[in-house]
């Protein structure tokens, strides 16, 4: 009986110390957000085969956490600026900046403050 109470107490302590993670060490992942900006041009933004906007920028589109197929198309020239997998992090903003002239891509992560931004950038 004492061992059962000790295990229960330990699980409560671990849960409180690690923000509700309990003994499993993980919490359910919430959604994240995606923003896409095309410098020196514009493009259609597609995620997982679905067109989200016909003209960038795409601002704070909520997606489930995890990896997603991302394409940015420029219809008049039928060119593809971006064709990649992007990681959406729980409770974070994933920002993709694409330069239409040279194809350079930059991915940034943002949160709701300095500590959150550091967590998102990992």
Protein backbone atom coordinates (compact mmCIF):
# COMPACT_ATOMS: atom_id res chain seq x y z
CA UNK A 1 0.00 0.00 0.00
CA UNK A 2 2.83 2.41 0.81
CA UNK A 3 4.52 1.64 -2.52
CA UNK A 4 1.28 2.47 -4.36
CA UNK A 5 1.02 5.85 -2.56
CA UNK A 6 4.69 6.57 -3.22
CA UNK A 7 4.25 5.89 -6.96
CA UNK A 8 1.15 8.11 -7.04
CA UNK A 9 2.97 10.93 -5.23
CA UNK A 10 5.95 10.62 -7.57
CA UNK A 11 3.70 10.83 -10.64
CA UNK A 12 2.07 14.00 -9.25
CA UNK A 13 5.48 15.56 -8.60
CA UNK A 14 6.73 14.71 -12.09
CA UNK A 15 3.54 16.05 -13.62
CA UNK A 16 3.86 19.35 -11.76
CA UNK A 17 7.59 19.71 -12.50
CA UNK A 18 7.30 19.05 -16.23
CA UNK A 19 4.16 20.98 -17.04
CA UNK A 20 1.73 18.08 -16.99
CA UNK A 21 3.93 15.69 -18.91
CA UNK A 22 3.52 13.01 -16.27
CA UNK A 23 5.54 9.82 -16.53
CA UNK A 24 5.24 9.56 -20.29
CA UNK A 25 7.37 12.68 -20.83
CA UNK A 26 5.13 14.13 -23.54
CA UNK A 27 2.11 16.36 -23.81
CA UNK A 28 -0.41 16.40 -26.63
CA UNK A 29 0.86 18.65 -29.43
CA UNK A 30 -1.30 21.62 -30.25
CA UNK A 31 -1.44 23.17 -33.70
CA UNK A 32 1.06 25.65 -35.06
CA UNK A 33 0.86 28.38 -37.67
CA UNK A 34 2.43 28.93 -41.09
CA UNK A 35 3.21 32.23 -42.76
CA UNK A 36 4.68 32.48 -46.27
CA UNK A 37 6.14 35.64 -47.74
CA UNK A 38 7.45 35.94 -51.30
CA UNK A 39 9.88 38.81 -51.79
CA UNK A 40 10.25 40.29 -55.29
CA UNK A 41 7.09 38.58 -56.50
CA UNK A 42 4.13 36.52 -55.37
CA UNK A 43 2.88 32.96 -55.54
CA UNK A 44 0.11 30.50 -54.81
CA UNK A 45 0.63 28.63 -51.53
CA UNK A 46 -0.25 24.92 -51.39
CA UNK A 47 0.00 22.68 -48.32
CA UNK A 48 -0.57 18.93 -48.50
CA UNK A 49 -2.12 19.27 -51.96
CA UNK A 50 -4.62 21.99 -50.96
CA UNK A 51 -4.37 25.58 -52.21
CA UNK A 52 -4.48 27.88 -49.19
CA UNK A 53 -4.19 31.17 -51.05
CA UNK A 54 -3.97 32.23 -54.67
CA UNK A 55 -1.64 35.13 -53.89
CA UNK A 56 0.97 35.43 -51.16
CA UNK A 57 1.48 36.47 -48.46
CA UNK A 58 -0.11 33.75 -46.37
CA UNK A 59 -0.48 34.93 -42.79
CA UNK A 60 -0.83 32.76 -39.67
CA UNK A 61 -2.56 29.74 -41.25
CA UNK A 62 -3.24 27.16 -38.53
CA UNK A 63 -1.99 23.64 -39.24
CA UNK A 64 -1.54 20.51 -37.13
CA UNK A 65 1.96 20.14 -35.69
CA UNK A 66 4.24 17.93 -37.79
CA UNK A 67 5.64 17.76 -41.31
CA UNK A 68 3.67 19.06 -44.29
CA UNK A 69 4.30 19.17 -48.04
CA UNK A 70 4.61 22.82 -49.10
CA UNK A 71 4.61 24.24 -52.62
CA UNK A 72 4.71 27.84 -53.72
CA UNK A 73 3.80 28.26 -57.40
CA UNK A 74 4.00 31.27 -59.69
CA UNK A 75 1.16 30.60 -62.16
CA UNK A 76 1.99 33.05 -64.98
CA UNK A 77 5.34 31.38 -65.57
CA UNK A 78 4.15 28.02 -64.22
CA UNK A 79 7.31 27.96 -62.15
CA UNK A 80 7.75 26.39 -58.75
CA UNK A 81 9.52 28.59 -56.21
CA UNK A 82 9.28 26.08 -53.39
CA UNK A 83 8.71 22.33 -53.24
CA UNK A 84 9.69 21.08 -49.81
CA UNK A 85 8.61 19.53 -46.54
CA UNK A 86 8.14 22.04 -43.74
CA UNK A 87 8.00 21.36 -40.01
CA UNK A 88 5.09 22.98 -38.17
CA UNK A 89 5.90 23.16 -34.47
CA UNK A 90 3.25 23.08 -31.78
CA UNK A 91 2.22 26.55 -30.56
CA UNK A 92 4.79 28.23 -32.82
CA UNK A 93 4.73 30.31 -35.98
CA UNK A 94 6.77 28.85 -38.86
CA UNK A 95 7.70 31.62 -41.28
CA UNK A 96 8.98 30.88 -44.79
CA UNK A 97 10.48 33.76 -46.75
CA UNK A 98 11.19 33.09 -50.44
CA UNK A 99 13.02 35.39 -52.82
CA UNK A 100 11.39 35.10 -56.25
CA UNK A 101 14.47 36.39 -58.05
CA UNK A 102 17.12 34.00 -56.79
CA UNK A 103 15.02 31.24 -55.16
CA UNK A 104 16.66 31.69 -51.76
CA UNK A 105 14.54 30.32 -48.90
CA UNK A 106 14.69 31.27 -45.24
CA UNK A 107 12.76 29.51 -42.48
CA UNK A 108 12.25 31.26 -39.15
CA UNK A 109 10.31 30.35 -36.04
CA UNK A 110 8.50 32.70 -33.68
CA UNK A 111 6.67 32.39 -30.38
CA UNK A 112 4.84 34.59 -27.89
CA UNK A 113 7.90 35.98 -26.17
CA UNK A 114 11.66 35.43 -25.81
CA UNK A 115 11.41 32.09 -23.96
CA UNK A 116 8.75 30.78 -26.33
CA UNK A 117 10.77 31.93 -29.36
CA UNK A 118 13.81 29.99 -28.08
CA UNK A 119 11.66 26.86 -27.64
CA UNK A 120 10.26 27.22 -31.13
CA UNK A 121 13.68 27.68 -32.72
CA UNK A 122 14.97 24.34 -31.39
